[in-house]
Amino acid sequence: MKRNATAVWSGSIKEGEGKITTQSNVLSNTQYSFKTRFENGNGTNPEELIAAAHAGCFTMQLTAYINEAGFSVASIETKCDIDFQNGSIVGSHLSVLARVDDIDTDVFQQLVKQAESNCPVSKLLNTEITSSATLVRS
């Protein structure tokens, strides 16, 4: 399975603007810019999208581990804070609030740590990045 998203940028880094569209069209020409990334502007930014992806992926992985351990999840809410400093993502913190009946606290904490290490986005955030690029001249 492959998924995709497209980003289009026009103009300079500070005055320009971009649009992000996802394959599912959940994001469709969604605005992002220098202001939405480094100031307070209307739109999204890469770090916010990474936080959403990490929170969603981790929560699904934790649910799977809890189910595999024989417990039922009533709800799990995860907030992800991406720490972006000096042009680098230096951390991702997951704050979890879960409702799971009959699970031992130590077992739950172990499953949280297991999901933290093994969800696909956690693995991506700690991996080599490669690229393929084509320059198109007008």
N, C-alpha and C. Protein backbone atom coordinates (compact mmCIF):
# COMPACT_ATOMS: atom_id res chain seq x y z
N MET A 1 0.84 -1.16 0.00
CA MET A 1 0.00 0.00 0.00
C MET A 1 0.89 1.23 0.00
N LYS A 2 0.55 2.19 -0.81
CA LYS A 2 1.23 3.48 -0.85
C LYS A 2 0.18 4.57 -0.72
N ARG A 3 0.53 5.62 0.00
CA ARG A 3 -0.32 6.80 0.15
C ARG A 3 0.49 8.00 -0.30
N ASN A 4 -0.21 9.07 -0.69
CA ASN A 4 0.54 10.24 -1.13
C ASN A 4 -0.13 11.54 -0.73
N ALA A 5 0.65 12.56 -0.78
CA ALA A 5 0.20 13.94 -0.59
C ALA A 5 1.04 14.79 -1.51
N THR A 6 0.50 15.93 -1.90
CA THR A 6 1.19 16.83 -2.81
C THR A 6 1.27 18.22 -2.18
N ALA A 7 2.44 18.82 -2.27
CA ALA A 7 2.63 20.19 -1.82
C ALA A 7 3.06 21.03 -3.01
N VAL A 8 2.45 22.20 -3.13
CA VAL A 8 2.79 23.15 -4.19
C VAL A 8 3.11 24.48 -3.50
N TRP A 9 4.24 25.08 -3.87
CA TRP A 9 4.66 26.36 -3.27
C TRP A 9 4.83 27.39 -4.36
N SER A 10 4.40 28.62 -4.08
CA SER A 10 4.58 29.74 -5.02
C SER A 10 5.14 30.93 -4.27
N GLY A 11 6.18 31.55 -4.84
CA GLY A 11 6.73 32.76 -4.25
C GLY A 11 7.93 32.50 -3.37
N SER A 12 8.37 33.55 -2.70
CA SER A 12 9.54 33.46 -1.81
C SER A 12 9.16 32.74 -0.53
N ILE A 13 10.16 32.40 0.27
CA ILE A 13 9.90 31.65 1.50
C ILE A 13 9.06 32.46 2.48
N LYS A 14 9.30 33.76 2.62
CA LYS A 14 8.57 34.55 3.61
C LYS A 14 7.25 35.10 3.10
N GLU A 15 7.18 35.48 1.86
CA GLU A 15 5.94 36.07 1.34
C GLU A 15 5.11 35.08 0.53
N GLY A 16 5.69 33.95 0.19
CA GLY A 16 4.99 32.97 -0.64
C GLY A 16 3.98 32.18 0.16
N GLU A 17 3.35 31.25 -0.53
CA GLU A 17 2.40 30.38 0.14
C GLU A 17 2.36 29.04 -0.55
N GLY A 18 1.89 28.06 0.20
CA GLY A 18 1.78 26.72 -0.33
C GLY A 18 0.40 26.15 -0.13
N LYS A 19 0.15 25.07 -0.84
CA LYS A 19 -1.11 24.32 -0.73
C LYS A 19 -0.74 22.85 -0.61
N ILE A 20 -1.39 22.16 0.32
CA ILE A 20 -1.17 20.73 0.52
C ILE A 20 -2.47 20.01 0.22
N THR A 21 -2.38 18.93 -0.56
CA THR A 21 -3.53 18.09 -0.87
C THR A 21 -3.16 16.64 -0.60
N THR A 22 -4.03 15.93 0.09
CA THR A 22 -3.80 14.52 0.36
C THR A 22 -4.58 13.66 -0.63
N GLN A 23 -4.12 12.44 -0.80
CA GLN A 23 -4.74 11.49 -1.72
C GLN A 23 -6.23 11.34 -1.44
N SER A 24 -6.62 11.34 -0.18
CA SER A 24 -8.03 11.16 0.20
C SER A 24 -8.84 12.45 0.04
N ASN A 25 -8.17 13.55 -0.21
CA ASN A 25 -8.76 14.89 -0.28
C ASN A 25 -9.30 15.39 1.05
N VAL A 26 -8.91 14.75 2.16
CA VAL A 26 -9.24 15.30 3.47
C VAL A 26 -8.60 16.68 3.59
N LEU A 27 -7.38 16.78 3.11
CA LEU A 27 -6.76 18.10 2.91
C LEU A 27 -6.81 18.36 1.41
N SER A 28 -7.42 19.45 1.03
CA SER A 28 -7.55 19.78 -0.38
C SER A 28 -7.15 21.24 -0.57
N ASN A 29 -5.98 21.44 -1.14
CA ASN A 29 -5.43 22.79 -1.30
C ASN A 29 -5.42 23.54 0.03
N THR A 30 -5.03 22.83 1.09
CA THR A 30 -4.95 23.41 2.42
C THR A 30 -3.74 24.33 2.50
N GLN A 31 -3.96 25.53 2.95
CA GLN A 31 -2.94 26.58 2.95
C GLN A 31 -1.88 26.34 4.02
N TYR A 32 -0.63 26.57 3.65
CA TYR A 32 0.46 26.65 4.61
C TYR A 32 1.43 27.71 4.13
N SER A 33 2.18 28.29 5.06
CA SER A 33 3.06 29.41 4.72
C SER A 33 4.13 29.57 5.80
N PHE A 34 5.01 30.53 5.58
CA PHE A 34 6.01 30.88 6.58
C PHE A 34 5.32 31.28 7.88
N LYS A 35 4.25 32.09 7.76
CA LYS A 35 3.52 32.54 8.96
C LYS A 35 2.89 31.38 9.71
N THR A 36 2.33 30.38 9.00
CA THR A 36 1.70 29.26 9.71
C THR A 36 2.74 28.35 10.35
N ARG A 37 3.96 28.44 9.88
CA ARG A 37 5.01 27.59 10.45
C ARG A 37 5.76 28.28 11.58
N PHE A 38 6.06 29.56 11.42
CA PHE A 38 6.93 30.24 12.39
C PHE A 38 6.26 31.35 13.17
N GLU A 39 5.04 31.71 12.78
CA GLU A 39 4.32 32.78 13.47
C GLU A 39 2.90 32.26 13.75
N ASN A 40 1.93 33.14 13.67
CA ASN A 40 0.53 32.74 13.85
C ASN A 40 -0.25 33.11 12.61
N GLY A 41 -0.37 32.17 11.70
CA GLY A 41 -1.13 32.40 10.48
C GLY A 41 -2.25 31.39 10.36
N ASN A 42 -3.12 31.62 9.40
CA ASN A 42 -4.25 30.73 9.15
C ASN A 42 -3.81 29.63 8.19
N GLY A 43 -3.81 28.41 8.66
CA GLY A 43 -3.40 27.28 7.84
C GLY A 43 -2.65 26.27 8.69
N THR A 44 -2.00 25.33 8.04
CA THR A 44 -1.28 24.27 8.75
C THR A 44 0.22 24.44 8.56
N ASN A 45 0.98 23.46 9.00
CA ASN A 45 2.43 23.45 8.82
C ASN A 45 2.92 22.02 8.94
N PRO A 46 4.12 21.73 8.46
CA PRO A 46 4.62 20.36 8.48
C PRO A 46 4.66 19.73 9.88
N GLU A 47 5.04 20.50 10.89
CA GLU A 47 5.15 19.94 12.24
C GLU A 47 3.78 19.55 12.80
N GLU A 48 2.77 20.36 12.51
CA GLU A 48 1.41 20.03 12.94
C GLU A 48 0.92 18.75 12.27
N LEU A 49 1.24 18.59 10.99
CA LEU A 49 0.83 17.39 10.27
C LEU A 49 1.57 16.16 10.79
N ILE A 50 2.85 16.32 11.14
CA ILE A 50 3.61 15.21 11.73
C ILE A 50 3.01 14.85 13.09
N ALA A 51 2.65 15.85 13.88
CA ALA A 51 2.03 15.59 15.18
C ALA A 51 0.73 14.82 15.02
N ALA A 52 -0.09 15.20 14.06
CA ALA A 52 -1.35 14.50 13.81
C ALA A 52 -1.10 13.05 13.40
N ALA A 53 -0.13 12.86 12.50
CA ALA A 53 0.19 11.51 12.04
C ALA A 53 0.72 10.66 13.19
N HIS A 54 1.58 11.23 14.01
CA HIS A 54 2.17 10.45 15.11
C HIS A 54 1.11 10.10 16.15
N ALA A 55 0.27 11.06 16.51
CA ALA A 55 -0.80 10.80 17.49
C ALA A 55 -1.75 9.72 16.98
N GLY A 56 -2.15 9.81 15.72
CA GLY A 56 -3.07 8.83 15.15
C GLY A 56 -2.47 7.44 15.05
N CYS A 57 -1.24 7.37 14.57
CA CYS A 57 -0.56 6.08 14.40
C CYS A 57 -0.32 5.41 15.76
N PHE A 58 0.20 6.17 16.70
CA PHE A 58 0.47 5.64 18.04
C PHE A 58 -0.81 5.12 18.68
N THR A 59 -1.89 5.88 18.58
CA THR A 59 -3.14 5.49 19.21
C THR A 59 -3.69 4.19 18.62
N MET A 60 -3.58 4.04 17.31
CA MET A 60 -4.00 2.79 16.67
C MET A 60 -3.11 1.63 17.13
N GLN A 61 -1.80 1.85 17.20
CA GLN A 61 -0.87 0.79 17.61
C GLN A 61 -1.14 0.38 19.05
N LEU A 62 -1.35 1.36 19.93
CA LEU A 62 -1.64 1.05 21.33
C LEU A 62 -2.94 0.27 21.46
N THR A 63 -3.95 0.66 20.70
CA THR A 63 -5.22 -0.06 20.71
C THR A 63 -5.01 -1.52 20.29
N ALA A 64 -4.22 -1.73 19.25
CA ALA A 64 -3.95 -3.10 18.79
C ALA A 64 -3.27 -3.92 19.88
N TYR A 65 -2.26 -3.33 20.54
CA TYR A 65 -1.56 -4.05 21.60
C TYR A 65 -2.48 -4.37 22.77
N ILE A 66 -3.33 -3.42 23.14
CA ILE A 66 -4.27 -3.65 24.24
C ILE A 66 -5.25 -4.77 23.87
N ASN A 67 -5.76 -4.74 22.65
CA ASN A 67 -6.67 -5.79 22.20
C ASN A 67 -5.97 -7.15 22.18
N GLU A 68 -4.73 -7.20 21.68
CA GLU A 68 -3.97 -8.45 21.64
C GLU A 68 -3.73 -9.01 23.04
N ALA A 69 -3.65 -8.11 24.04
CA ALA A 69 -3.45 -8.54 25.43
C ALA A 69 -4.76 -8.99 26.08
N GLY A 70 -5.87 -8.89 25.33
CA GLY A 70 -7.14 -9.39 25.82
C GLY A 70 -8.03 -8.37 26.49
N PHE A 71 -7.75 -7.10 26.28
CA PHE A 71 -8.54 -6.04 26.90
C PHE A 71 -9.29 -5.24 25.84
N SER A 72 -10.37 -4.60 26.27
CA SER A 72 -11.17 -3.76 25.38
C SER A 72 -10.93 -2.29 25.68
N VAL A 73 -10.77 -1.51 24.63
CA VAL A 73 -10.54 -0.08 24.77
C VAL A 73 -11.87 0.65 24.71
N ALA A 74 -12.15 1.43 25.72
CA ALA A 74 -13.31 2.32 25.69
C ALA A 74 -12.95 3.57 24.91
N SER A 75 -11.77 4.15 25.22
CA SER A 75 -11.28 5.31 24.47
C SER A 75 -9.81 5.56 24.78
N ILE A 76 -9.13 6.09 23.81
CA ILE A 76 -7.75 6.56 23.99
C ILE A 76 -7.66 7.91 23.30
N GLU A 77 -7.18 8.90 24.02
CA GLU A 77 -6.93 10.23 23.45
C GLU A 77 -5.44 10.51 23.58
N THR A 78 -4.82 10.83 22.47
CA THR A 78 -3.39 11.11 22.46
C THR A 78 -3.13 12.47 21.88
N LYS A 79 -2.39 13.28 22.60
CA LYS A 79 -1.91 14.57 22.10
C LYS A 79 -0.43 14.41 21.81
N CYS A 80 -0.02 14.86 20.64
CA CYS A 80 1.39 14.81 20.27
C CYS A 80 1.93 16.23 20.16
N ASP A 81 3.02 16.49 20.86
CA ASP A 81 3.72 17.77 20.76
C ASP A 81 5.03 17.54 20.03
N ILE A 82 5.17 18.19 18.88
CA ILE A 82 6.41 18.14 18.12
C ILE A 82 7.26 19.34 18.54
N ASP A 83 8.50 19.08 18.90
CA ASP A 83 9.42 20.13 19.33
C ASP A 83 10.34 20.48 18.15
N PHE A 84 10.14 21.65 17.58
CA PHE A 84 10.87 22.13 16.41
C PHE A 84 11.77 23.28 16.85
N GLN A 85 13.09 23.06 16.81
CA GLN A 85 14.04 24.07 17.26
C GLN A 85 15.19 24.20 16.27
N ASN A 86 15.54 25.44 15.96
CA ASN A 86 16.69 25.72 15.10
C ASN A 86 16.68 24.92 13.81
N GLY A 87 15.51 24.80 13.20
CA GLY A 87 15.40 24.12 11.92
C GLY A 87 15.37 22.61 11.98
N SER A 88 15.22 22.04 13.19
CA SER A 88 15.19 20.58 13.33
C SER A 88 14.08 20.15 14.27
N ILE A 89 13.50 19.00 13.97
CA ILE A 89 12.58 18.38 14.91
C ILE A 89 13.44 17.64 15.92
N VAL A 90 13.37 18.06 17.17
CA VAL A 90 14.23 17.49 18.20
C VAL A 90 13.47 16.60 19.16
N GLY A 91 12.17 16.51 19.02
CA GLY A 91 11.41 15.63 19.91
C GLY A 91 9.96 15.53 19.53
N SER A 92 9.37 14.45 19.94
CA SER A 92 7.93 14.21 19.79
C SER A 92 7.45 13.62 21.10
N HIS A 93 6.54 14.32 21.77
CA HIS A 93 6.03 13.85 23.06
C HIS A 93 4.57 13.47 22.92
N LEU A 94 4.23 12.27 23.36
CA LEU A 94 2.87 11.75 23.31
C LEU A 94 2.27 11.79 24.71
N SER A 95 1.17 12.50 24.86
CA SER A 95 0.42 12.53 26.13
C SER A 95 -0.85 11.72 25.92
N VAL A 96 -1.02 10.67 26.71
CA VAL A 96 -2.08 9.69 26.49
C VAL A 96 -3.07 9.70 27.64
N LEU A 97 -4.35 9.70 27.30
CA LEU A 97 -5.43 9.54 28.27
C LEU A 97 -6.28 8.38 27.76
N ALA A 98 -6.33 7.27 28.51
CA ALA A 98 -6.99 6.06 28.02
C ALA A 98 -8.02 5.55 29.02
N ARG A 99 -9.06 4.98 28.46
CA ARG A 99 -10.05 4.25 29.27
C ARG A 99 -10.05 2.81 28.78
N VAL A 100 -9.53 1.91 29.66
CA VAL A 100 -9.44 0.49 29.35
C VAL A 100 -9.86 -0.27 30.60
N ASP A 101 -10.92 -1.04 30.50
CA ASP A 101 -11.42 -1.78 31.67
C ASP A 101 -10.49 -2.94 32.03
N ASP A 102 -10.31 -3.12 33.33
CA ASP A 102 -9.66 -4.31 33.91
C ASP A 102 -8.19 -4.48 33.57
N ILE A 103 -7.52 -3.48 33.05
CA ILE A 103 -6.09 -3.62 32.73
C ILE A 103 -5.25 -3.15 33.91
N ASP A 104 -4.20 -3.89 34.21
CA ASP A 104 -3.26 -3.53 35.27
C ASP A 104 -2.43 -2.33 34.81
N THR A 105 -2.17 -1.40 35.71
CA THR A 105 -1.41 -0.19 35.37
C THR A 105 -0.05 -0.52 34.79
N ASP A 106 0.66 -1.49 35.37
CA ASP A 106 1.98 -1.85 34.85
C ASP A 106 1.90 -2.44 33.44
N VAL A 107 0.89 -3.27 33.19
CA VAL A 107 0.69 -3.83 31.86
C VAL A 107 0.37 -2.71 30.87
N PHE A 108 -0.49 -1.80 31.27
CA PHE A 108 -0.84 -0.67 30.40
C PHE A 108 0.40 0.16 30.07
N GLN A 109 1.21 0.50 31.08
CA GLN A 109 2.42 1.30 30.85
C GLN A 109 3.39 0.57 29.93
N GLN A 110 3.50 -0.74 30.08
CA GLN A 110 4.36 -1.53 29.20
C GLN A 110 3.86 -1.46 27.76
N LEU A 111 2.56 -1.56 27.56
CA LEU A 111 1.99 -1.50 26.22
C LEU A 111 2.16 -0.11 25.61
N VAL A 112 2.07 0.93 26.43
CA VAL A 112 2.31 2.30 25.96
C VAL A 112 3.75 2.41 25.44
N LYS A 113 4.71 1.92 26.21
CA LYS A 113 6.12 1.98 25.78
C LYS A 113 6.35 1.16 24.52
N GLN A 114 5.68 0.02 24.41
CA GLN A 114 5.80 -0.82 23.23
C GLN A 114 5.25 -0.10 22.00
N ALA A 115 4.09 0.54 22.14
CA ALA A 115 3.50 1.30 21.02
C ALA A 115 4.36 2.51 20.67
N GLU A 116 4.90 3.16 21.68
CA GLU A 116 5.77 4.32 21.46
C GLU A 116 6.97 3.95 20.58
N SER A 117 7.52 2.77 20.79
CA SER A 117 8.69 2.32 20.03
C SER A 117 8.35 1.72 18.67
N ASN A 118 7.15 1.16 18.54
CA ASN A 118 6.86 0.34 17.37
C ASN A 118 5.82 0.85 16.41
N CYS A 119 5.15 1.97 16.70
CA CYS A 119 4.20 2.44 15.69
C CYS A 119 5.01 2.91 14.47
N PRO A 120 4.49 2.71 13.27
CA PRO A 120 5.23 3.04 12.06
C PRO A 120 5.74 4.49 12.00
N VAL A 121 4.97 5.44 12.50
CA VAL A 121 5.45 6.83 12.46
C VAL A 121 6.59 7.03 13.45
N SER A 122 6.56 6.39 14.61
CA SER A 122 7.70 6.46 15.53
C SER A 122 8.96 5.95 14.84
N LYS A 123 8.83 4.86 14.12
CA LYS A 123 9.98 4.31 13.40
C LYS A 123 10.46 5.27 12.32
N LEU A 124 9.52 5.92 11.64
CA LEU A 124 9.89 6.88 10.59
C LEU A 124 10.64 8.07 11.17
N LEU A 125 10.23 8.55 12.30
CA LEU A 125 10.87 9.72 12.90
C LEU A 125 12.28 9.42 13.37
N ASN A 126 12.66 8.17 13.36
CA ASN A 126 14.00 7.78 13.77
C ASN A 126 14.62 6.89 12.68
N THR A 127 14.66 7.41 11.46
CA THR A 127 15.12 6.61 10.33
C THR A 127 15.90 7.46 9.35
N GLU A 128 16.65 6.81 8.47
CA GLU A 128 17.33 7.52 7.40
C GLU A 128 16.29 8.04 6.40
N ILE A 129 16.49 9.23 5.92
CA ILE A 129 15.59 9.83 4.93
C ILE A 129 16.32 9.84 3.58
N THR A 130 15.64 9.36 2.56
CA THR A 130 16.20 9.39 1.21
C THR A 130 15.22 10.11 0.30
N SER A 131 15.68 10.48 -0.91
CA SER A 131 14.80 11.18 -1.84
C SER A 131 15.17 10.87 -3.28
N SER A 132 14.23 11.14 -4.16
CA SER A 132 14.44 11.09 -5.60
C SER A 132 13.87 12.38 -6.15
N ALA A 133 14.64 13.12 -6.95
CA ALA A 133 14.17 14.43 -7.41
C ALA A 133 14.38 14.59 -8.91
N THR A 134 13.42 15.25 -9.54
CA THR A 134 13.50 15.58 -10.96
C THR A 134 13.32 17.07 -11.10
N LEU A 135 14.22 17.72 -11.82
CA LEU A 135 14.11 19.15 -12.07
C LEU A 135 13.42 19.35 -13.42
N VAL A 136 12.32 20.08 -13.40
CA VAL A 136 11.60 20.39 -14.62
C VAL A 136 11.82 21.85 -14.94
N ARG A 137 12.31 22.10 -16.12
CA ARG A 137 12.56 23.50 -16.54
C ARG A 137 11.43 23.98 -17.42
N SER A 138 11.06 25.22 -17.23
CA SER A 138 9.95 25.77 -18.03
C SER A 138 10.43 26.41 -19.32
